[in-house]
Amino acid sequence: MHALDAWDSFYVIVGSAAGALIGLQFVVMTLMAERPSSRVKEANAAFGTPTVVHFAAALLLSVLLRAPWPAMDYAAIASGLVGAGGFVYSLIVTRRMRVQLAYAPDVEDWLCHAVMPLAAYAVLIASAFWAASHPEQALFGIGAGVLLLLFVGIHNAWDSVAFAALMVRQKRHEPHE
């Protein structure tokens, strides 16, 4: 039995969830676009788009890990490449968070929008290297990285929706000039 075969249900569930959540993010963005606030573009580049990227990475990894690779090495390389790309992207997002002026991130924001995605992608990179000597254990690392991306995306999507809803409510209650 190929080591990846035991992970079939895991990646079907994670991939399906990631795909569905990407669709929901499109709905949320459409609703938020009806009442844009100032500096929406720079805030979205720091907080909105990365959420979709993390969901997409989880979906991509779920597909890649279910591909009929002839050996575990190919799946590990693919996971490592996604991890490297995501790590670099997360560094860019961290910079965007620092320079944008639309919102002052708090500790939770730094943790969930910068630290945890960096950690997830770092785990994918490390697991790819570890796969050569410990393939079964590396699969748990890859799975943990993918799951962390999914849960970070869920948290960040909720944060965006809650922020947008509160901003709309606040605008309704502000006196008109």
C-alpha atoms as a PDB file:
ATOM      1  CA  MET A   1       0.000   0.000   0.000  1.00  0.00           C
ATOM      2  CA  HIS A   2       1.334   3.405  -0.986  1.00  0.00           C
ATOM      3  CA  ALA A   3       1.818   5.694   2.048  1.00  0.00           C
ATOM      4  CA  LEU A   4      -0.433   8.368   0.531  1.00  0.00           C
ATOM      5  CA  ASP A   5      -3.385   5.990   0.122  1.00  0.00           C
ATOM      6  CA  ALA A   6      -4.205   6.199   3.828  1.00  0.00           C
ATOM      7  CA  TRP A   7      -4.641   9.971   3.456  1.00  0.00           C
ATOM      8  CA  ASP A   8      -7.336   9.798   0.785  1.00  0.00           C
ATOM      9  CA  SER A   9     -10.305  10.779   2.966  1.00  0.00           C
ATOM     10  CA  PHE A  10      -8.323  13.517   4.720  1.00  0.00           C
ATOM     11  CA  TYR A  11      -7.458  15.298   1.478  1.00  0.00           C
ATOM     12  CA  VAL A  12     -10.939  14.820   0.019  1.00  0.00           C
ATOM     13  CA  ILE A  13     -12.420  16.537   3.084  1.00  0.00           C
ATOM     14  CA  VAL A  14      -9.810  19.301   3.287  1.00  0.00           C
ATOM     15  CA  GLY A  15      -9.865  19.950  -0.455  1.00  0.00           C
ATOM     16  CA  SER A  16     -13.656  20.081  -0.562  1.00  0.00           C
ATOM     17  CA  ALA A  17     -13.756  22.459   2.393  1.00  0.00           C
ATOM     18  CA  ALA A  18     -11.101  24.716   0.854  1.00  0.00           C
ATOM     19  CA  GLY A  19     -12.917  24.811  -2.485  1.00  0.00           C
ATOM     20  CA  ALA A  20     -16.246  25.656  -0.862  1.00  0.00           C
ATOM     21  CA  LEU A  21     -14.672  28.353   1.294  1.00  0.00           C
ATOM     22  CA  ILE A  22     -13.060  29.967  -1.752  1.00  0.00           C
ATOM     23  CA  GLY A  23     -16.538  30.261  -3.238  1.00  0.00           C
ATOM     24  CA  LEU A  24     -17.887  31.806  -0.062  1.00  0.00           C
ATOM     25  CA  GLN A  25     -15.049  34.350  -0.067  1.00  0.00           C
ATOM     26  CA  PHE A  26     -16.243  35.496  -3.494  1.00  0.00           C
ATOM     27  CA  VAL A  27     -19.722  36.033  -2.077  1.00  0.00           C
ATOM     28  CA  VAL A  28     -18.334  37.947   0.907  1.00  0.00           C
ATOM     29  CA  MET A  29     -16.197  40.171  -1.322  1.00  0.00           C
ATOM     30  CA  THR A  30     -19.228  40.943  -3.474  1.00  0.00           C
ATOM     31  CA  LEU A  31     -21.235  41.956  -0.425  1.00  0.00           C
ATOM     32  CA  MET A  32     -18.369  44.042   0.965  1.00  0.00           C
ATOM     33  CA  ALA A  33     -17.932  45.817  -2.378  1.00  0.00           C
ATOM     34  CA  GLU A  34     -21.379  47.375  -1.985  1.00  0.00           C
ATOM     35  CA  ARG A  35     -20.098  49.558   0.872  1.00  0.00           C
ATOM     36  CA  PRO A  36     -16.382  50.056   0.326  1.00  0.00           C
ATOM     37  CA  SER A  37     -14.431  51.893   2.950  1.00  0.00           C
ATOM     38  CA  SER A  38     -11.402  54.046   2.310  1.00  0.00           C
ATOM     39  CA  ARG A  39      -8.161  52.288   1.429  1.00  0.00           C
ATOM     40  CA  VAL A  40     -10.009  49.031   0.697  1.00  0.00           C
ATOM     41  CA  LYS A  41      -7.459  47.998  -1.921  1.00  0.00           C
ATOM     42  CA  GLU A  42      -4.433  48.085   0.388  1.00  0.00           C
ATOM     43  CA  ALA A  43      -6.333  46.425   3.243  1.00  0.00           C
ATOM     44  CA  ASN A  44      -7.583  43.706   0.902  1.00  0.00           C
ATOM     45  CA  ALA A  45      -4.037  43.003  -0.317  1.00  0.00           C
ATOM     46  CA  ALA A  46      -2.963  42.514   3.302  1.00  0.00           C
ATOM     47  CA  PHE A  47      -6.001  40.736   4.737  1.00  0.00           C
ATOM     48  CA  GLY A  48      -8.487  39.552   2.081  1.00  0.00           C
ATOM     49  CA  THR A  49      -6.493  38.157  -0.825  1.00  0.00           C
ATOM     50  CA  PRO A  50      -4.130  36.120   1.396  1.00  0.00           C
ATOM     51  CA  THR A  51      -7.147  34.289   2.833  1.00  0.00           C
ATOM     52  CA  VAL A  52      -8.124  33.100  -0.645  1.00  0.00           C
ATOM     53  CA  VAL A  53      -4.483  32.212  -1.362  1.00  0.00           C
ATOM     54  CA  HIS A  54      -4.319  30.045   1.792  1.00  0.00           C
ATOM     55  CA  PHE A  55      -7.569  28.287   0.841  1.00  0.00           C
ATOM     56  CA  ALA A  56      -6.235  27.810  -2.697  1.00  0.00           C
ATOM     57  CA  ALA A  57      -2.958  26.391  -1.343  1.00  0.00           C
ATOM     58  CA  ALA A  58      -4.923  23.909   0.793  1.00  0.00           C
ATOM     59  CA  LEU A  59      -6.990  22.935  -2.246  1.00  0.00           C
ATOM     60  CA  LEU A  60      -3.905  22.628  -4.467  1.00  0.00           C
ATOM     61  CA  LEU A  61      -2.073  20.508  -1.914  1.00  0.00           C
ATOM     62  CA  SER A  62      -5.136  18.290  -1.500  1.00  0.00           C
ATOM     63  CA  VAL A  63      -5.158  17.692  -5.252  1.00  0.00           C
ATOM     64  CA  LEU A  64      -1.395  17.195  -5.460  1.00  0.00           C
ATOM     65  CA  LEU A  65      -1.365  14.707  -2.599  1.00  0.00           C
ATOM     66  CA  ARG A  66      -4.073  12.644  -4.294  1.00  0.00           C
ATOM     67  CA  ALA A  67      -2.376  12.603  -7.697  1.00  0.00           C
ATOM     68  CA  PRO A  68      -1.158   9.151  -8.765  1.00  0.00           C
ATOM     69  CA  TRP A  69       2.525   9.847  -8.168  1.00  0.00           C
ATOM     70  CA  PRO A  70       4.836   6.914  -8.913  1.00  0.00           C
ATOM     71  CA  ALA A  71       6.713   7.622  -5.667  1.00  0.00           C
ATOM     72  CA  MET A  72       6.315   9.681  -2.505  1.00  0.00           C
ATOM     73  CA  ASP A  73       9.287  11.837  -3.559  1.00  0.00           C
ATOM     74  CA  TYR A  74       7.226  13.611  -6.223  1.00  0.00           C
ATOM     75  CA  ALA A  75       4.448  14.480  -3.790  1.00  0.00           C
ATOM     76  CA  ALA A  76       7.030  15.739  -1.301  1.00  0.00           C
ATOM     77  CA  ILE A  77       8.688  17.940  -3.927  1.00  0.00           C
ATOM     78  CA  ALA A  78       5.313  19.353  -4.964  1.00  0.00           C
ATOM     79  CA  SER A  79       4.447  20.074  -1.317  1.00  0.00           C
ATOM     80  CA  GLY A  80       7.811  21.705  -0.755  1.00  0.00           C
ATOM     81  CA  LEU A  81       7.382  23.940  -3.805  1.00  0.00           C
ATOM     82  CA  VAL A  82       3.925  25.044  -2.651  1.00  0.00           C
ATOM     83  CA  GLY A  83       5.395  25.641   0.807  1.00  0.00           C
ATOM     84  CA  ALA A  84       8.263  27.732  -0.585  1.00  0.00           C
ATOM     85  CA  GLY A  85       5.941  29.819  -2.739  1.00  0.00           C
ATOM     86  CA  GLY A  86       3.540  30.309   0.159  1.00  0.00           C
ATOM     87  CA  PHE A  87       6.358  31.251   2.522  1.00  0.00           C
ATOM     88  CA  VAL A  88       7.621  33.961   0.175  1.00  0.00           C
ATOM     89  CA  TYR A  89       4.058  35.194  -0.384  1.00  0.00           C
ATOM     90  CA  SER A  90       3.462  35.315   3.382  1.00  0.00           C
ATOM     91  CA  LEU A  91       6.560  37.478   3.803  1.00  0.00           C
ATOM     92  CA  ILE A  92       5.122  39.859   1.203  1.00  0.00           C
ATOM     93  CA  VAL A  93       1.782  39.867   3.047  1.00  0.00           C
ATOM     94  CA  THR A  94       3.558  40.633   6.334  1.00  0.00           C
ATOM     95  CA  ARG A  95       5.158  43.651   4.687  1.00  0.00           C
ATOM     96  CA  ARG A  96       1.791  44.755   3.293  1.00  0.00           C
ATOM     97  CA  MET A  97       0.291  44.505   6.780  1.00  0.00           C
ATOM     98  CA  ARG A  98       3.002  46.804   8.133  1.00  0.00           C
ATOM     99  CA  VAL A  99       2.664  49.502   5.475  1.00  0.00           C
ATOM    100  CA  GLN A 100      -1.102  49.651   4.972  1.00  0.00           C
ATOM    101  CA  LEU A 101      -2.935  52.424   6.801  1.00  0.00           C
ATOM    102  CA  ALA A 102      -6.538  51.196   6.583  1.00  0.00           C
ATOM    103  CA  TYR A 103      -6.393  49.127   9.765  1.00  0.00           C
ATOM    104  CA  ALA A 104      -4.051  48.838  12.758  1.00  0.00           C
ATOM    105  CA  PRO A 105      -3.400  45.106  13.241  1.00  0.00           C
ATOM    106  CA  ASP A 106      -3.413  43.804  16.818  1.00  0.00           C
ATOM    107  CA  VAL A 107      -1.551  40.782  18.223  1.00  0.00           C
ATOM    108  CA  GLU A 108      -4.226  38.351  17.033  1.00  0.00           C
ATOM    109  CA  ASP A 109      -4.008  39.784  13.517  1.00  0.00           C
ATOM    110  CA  TRP A 110      -0.223  39.395  13.434  1.00  0.00           C
ATOM    111  CA  LEU A 111      -0.555  35.850  14.729  1.00  0.00           C
ATOM    112  CA  CYS A 112      -3.271  34.740  12.304  1.00  0.00           C
ATOM    113  CA  HIS A 113      -2.338  36.742   9.209  1.00  0.00           C
ATOM    114  CA  ALA A 114       1.464  36.535   9.425  1.00  0.00           C
ATOM    115  CA  VAL A 115       2.937  34.096  11.959  1.00  0.00           C
ATOM    116  CA  MET A 116       0.645  31.097  11.482  1.00  0.00           C
ATOM    117  CA  PRO A 117       0.691  31.134   7.659  1.00  0.00           C
ATOM    118  CA  LEU A 118       4.495  31.425   7.741  1.00  0.00           C
ATOM    119  CA  ALA A 119       4.582  28.476  10.145  1.00  0.00           C
ATOM    120  CA  ALA A 120       2.253  26.396   7.942  1.00  0.00           C
ATOM    121  CA  TYR A 121       4.352  26.979   4.850  1.00  0.00           C
ATOM    122  CA  ALA A 122       7.581  26.346   6.798  1.00  0.00           C
ATOM    123  CA  VAL A 123       6.162  23.003   7.977  1.00  0.00           C
ATOM    124  CA  LEU A 124       5.417  22.091   4.358  1.00  0.00           C
ATOM    125  CA  ILE A 125       8.987  22.907   3.362  1.00  0.00           C
ATOM    126  CA  ALA A 126      10.489  20.992   6.299  1.00  0.00           C
ATOM    127  CA  SER A 127       8.213  18.001   5.674  1.00  0.00           C
ATOM    128  CA  ALA A 128       9.270  17.888   2.036  1.00  0.00           C
ATOM    129  CA  PHE A 129      12.901  17.554   3.105  1.00  0.00           C
ATOM    130  CA  TRP A 130      12.016  15.078   5.837  1.00  0.00           C
ATOM    131  CA  ALA A 131      10.092  12.863   3.412  1.00  0.00           C
ATOM    132  CA  ALA A 132      13.278  11.317   2.020  1.00  0.00           C
ATOM    133  CA  SER A 133      14.201   9.733   5.340  1.00  0.00           C
ATOM    134  CA  HIS A 134      10.834   9.559   7.162  1.00  0.00           C
ATOM    135  CA  PRO A 135       8.046   9.468   4.554  1.00  0.00           C
ATOM    136  CA  GLU A 136       5.194   8.390   6.838  1.00  0.00           C
ATOM    137  CA  GLN A 137       5.998  11.021   9.475  1.00  0.00           C
ATOM    138  CA  ALA A 138       6.472  13.680   6.783  1.00  0.00           C
ATOM    139  CA  LEU A 139       2.909  13.026   5.631  1.00  0.00           C
ATOM    140  CA  PHE A 140       1.694  14.078   9.085  1.00  0.00           C
ATOM    141  CA  GLY A 141       3.723  17.284   8.767  1.00  0.00           C
ATOM    142  CA  ILE A 142       2.246  18.005   5.344  1.00  0.00           C
ATOM    143  CA  GLY A 143      -1.229  17.239   6.671  1.00  0.00           C
ATOM    144  CA  ALA A 144      -0.681  19.559   9.639  1.00  0.00           C
ATOM    145  CA  GLY A 145       0.498  22.359   7.334  1.00  0.00           C
ATOM    146  CA  VAL A 146      -2.514  21.959   5.049  1.00  0.00           C
ATOM    147  CA  LEU A 147      -4.927  21.847   7.981  1.00  0.00           C
ATOM    148  CA  LEU A 148      -3.319  24.926   9.554  1.00  0.00           C
ATOM    149  CA  LEU A 149      -3.790  26.817   6.277  1.00  0.00           C
ATOM    150  CA  LEU A 150      -7.442  25.799   6.206  1.00  0.00           C
ATOM    151  CA  PHE A 151      -8.103  26.897   9.800  1.00  0.00           C
ATOM    152  CA  VAL A 152      -6.114  30.117   9.426  1.00  0.00           C
ATOM    153  CA  GLY A 153      -8.197  30.865   6.335  1.00  0.00           C
ATOM    154  CA  ILE A 154     -11.434  30.181   8.233  1.00  0.00           C
ATOM    155  CA  HIS A 155     -10.365  32.473  11.079  1.00  0.00           C
ATOM    156  CA  ASN A 156      -9.230  35.231   8.735  1.00  0.00           C
ATOM    157  CA  ALA A 157     -12.362  35.000   6.590  1.00  0.00           C
ATOM    158  CA  TRP A 158     -14.503  35.325   9.707  1.00  0.00           C
ATOM    159  CA  ASP A 159     -12.411  38.279  10.862  1.00  0.00           C
ATOM    160  CA  SER A 160     -12.922  40.028   7.530  1.00  0.00           C
ATOM    161  CA  VAL A 161     -16.667  39.463   7.570  1.00  0.00           C
ATOM    162  CA  ALA A 162     -16.995  40.625  11.175  1.00  0.00           C
ATOM    163  CA  PHE A 163     -14.906  43.732  10.469  1.00  0.00           C
ATOM    164  CA  ALA A 164     -16.937  44.581   7.363  1.00  0.00           C
ATOM    165  CA  ALA A 165     -20.231  44.053   9.189  1.00  0.00           C
ATOM    166  CA  LEU A 166     -19.155  46.281  12.062  1.00  0.00           C
ATOM    167  CA  MET A 167     -17.952  48.972   9.657  1.00  0.00           C
ATOM    168  CA  VAL A 168     -21.296  48.946   7.823  1.00  0.00           C
ATOM    169  CA  ARG A 169     -23.156  49.145  11.117  1.00  0.00           C
ATOM    170  CA  GLN A 170     -20.938  51.990  12.332  1.00  0.00           C
ATOM    171  CA  LYS A 171     -21.497  53.931   9.080  1.00  0.00           C
ATOM    172  CA  ARG A 172     -25.273  53.570   9.464  1.00  0.00           C
ATOM    173  CA  HIS A 173     -25.154  55.083  12.948  1.00  0.00           C
ATOM    174  CA  GLU A 174     -22.807  57.974  12.114  1.00  0.00           C
ATOM    175  CA  PRO A 175     -24.474  61.357  11.770  1.00  0.00           C
ATOM    176  CA  HIS A 176     -24.747  62.566   8.176  1.00  0.00           C
ATOM    177  CA  GLU A 177     -23.165  65.914   7.352  1.00  0.00           C
END
